[in-house]
Structures are given as structure tokens and as C-alpha cells.
Amino acid sequence: MKKKSEKDEYVRVCPKCGSSDIDWKIGSSTWSIALSGMGSAAIFDMFTCSNCGYASQFMPEFPKKRLGELKSLLKGGDKE
């Protein structure tokens, strides 16, 4: 088991562009209309990439020291 000082630091990254510049908005809301015609509200957290604008309720976490590898893969740098 790793000691706390050896623990990898993880950051949220955009799955579209690989940026770690992610904004987190707490309590965003959306409205949906059920089949019965009644509206319902849902409150959830929303992550938005400041680089490309990609938005989602979920953003993957990736080891900070390996961000360069991820960006290379997203740009197609490791094509076979």
C-alpha cells in the first residue's frame, strides 16, 4: 500500500480536449416534462471545460503527472 506522500494526485479532465481547467457549478437545474405532461425539476452539479466548453455532470479524473500522455492520445498522437 502506498504511503500518503506517495499517493498520486488526480485532477478532473475534459474527455474532449484533455484540459484540466474545469469549472464546477453546484446546483444547476433542468426541467423535464413527464409523459403525463407535468413538469419536474432536477438539481445536479455540472462540470464545464473552460477550454472547449464541453459540459457534463461527470468529468473523469486522471493522474496529474500523466496529463501529457492523455492530451497526446486525444490529439491522435498514438495512432497504430
Protein backbone atom coordinates (compact mmCIF):
# COMPACT_ATOMS: atom_id res chain seq x y z
CA MET A 1 0.00 0.00 0.00
CA LYS A 2 1.28 3.47 -0.87
CA LYS A 3 2.09 5.96 1.84
CA LYS A 4 0.19 9.23 1.76
CA SER A 5 3.25 11.09 0.43
CA GLU A 6 3.44 8.64 -2.50
CA LYS A 7 -0.22 8.96 -3.42
CA ASP A 8 -0.91 10.11 -6.97
CA GLU A 9 -2.67 13.44 -7.33
CA TYR A 10 -5.74 13.20 -9.55
CA VAL A 11 -7.43 16.06 -11.40
CA ARG A 12 -10.65 16.27 -13.36
CA VAL A 13 -10.06 16.42 -17.10
CA CYS A 14 -12.18 17.16 -20.12
CA PRO A 15 -12.73 13.97 -22.17
CA LYS A 16 -12.99 16.08 -25.34
CA CYS A 17 -9.81 18.20 -25.22
CA GLY A 18 -7.84 16.90 -22.20
CA SER A 19 -7.80 20.24 -20.36
CA SER A 20 -7.70 20.20 -16.58
CA ASP A 21 -9.22 23.72 -16.42
CA ILE A 22 -12.64 22.54 -15.23
CA ASP A 23 -15.29 24.73 -13.61
CA TRP A 24 -17.76 23.18 -11.17
CA LYS A 25 -21.20 24.69 -10.73
CA ILE A 26 -23.16 23.37 -7.78
CA GLY A 27 -26.91 23.05 -8.02
CA SER A 28 -27.60 23.57 -11.72
CA SER A 29 -31.18 22.82 -12.56
CA THR A 30 -33.03 21.44 -15.55
CA TRP A 31 -36.69 20.90 -16.32
CA SER A 32 -38.23 17.87 -17.96
CA ILE A 33 -41.79 17.07 -18.94
CA ALA A 34 -43.05 13.64 -17.97
CA LEU A 35 -45.45 11.65 -20.16
CA SER A 36 -48.30 12.92 -18.02
CA GLY A 37 -47.48 16.48 -19.08
CA MET A 38 -46.38 17.60 -15.63
CA GLY A 39 -43.04 19.34 -15.34
CA SER A 40 -40.40 18.19 -12.90
CA ALA A 41 -37.19 19.83 -11.79
CA ALA A 42 -33.89 18.12 -11.15
CA ILE A 43 -30.95 19.73 -9.38
CA PHE A 44 -27.45 18.43 -10.06
CA ASP A 45 -23.82 19.51 -10.20
CA MET A 46 -22.40 20.47 -13.59
CA PHE A 47 -18.79 20.48 -14.76
CA THR A 48 -17.75 22.71 -17.67
CA CYS A 49 -14.43 22.77 -19.51
CA SER A 50 -13.08 26.34 -19.66
CA ASN A 51 -11.01 25.45 -22.73
CA CYS A 52 -13.57 23.95 -25.15
CA GLY A 53 -16.92 24.46 -23.39
CA TYR A 54 -17.75 20.74 -23.01
CA ALA A 55 -20.28 20.32 -20.18
CA SER A 56 -21.36 17.22 -18.29
CA GLN A 57 -22.48 16.00 -14.89
CA PHE A 58 -19.41 13.78 -14.85
CA MET A 59 -15.77 14.52 -15.67
CA PRO A 60 -13.21 11.74 -15.39
CA GLU A 61 -10.25 12.04 -13.06
CA PHE A 62 -6.74 11.34 -14.33
CA PRO A 63 -3.31 11.26 -12.63
CA LYS A 64 -1.90 14.79 -12.80
CA LYS A 65 1.59 13.57 -13.69
CA ARG A 66 0.21 11.78 -16.79
CA LEU A 67 -1.82 14.63 -18.32
CA GLY A 68 0.67 14.98 -21.18
CA GLU A 69 0.03 11.38 -22.24
CA LEU A 70 -3.73 11.92 -22.20
CA LYS A 71 -3.53 15.06 -24.34
CA SER A 72 -1.32 13.23 -26.82
CA LEU A 73 -3.83 10.38 -27.09
CA LEU A 74 -6.76 12.78 -27.57
CA LYS A 75 -4.90 14.56 -30.39
CA GLY A 76 -4.26 11.19 -32.10
CA GLY A 77 -0.57 11.06 -31.27
CA ASP A 78 -0.61 7.33 -30.59
CA LYS A 79 -2.27 6.01 -33.74
CA GLU A 80 -1.36 2.48 -34.76
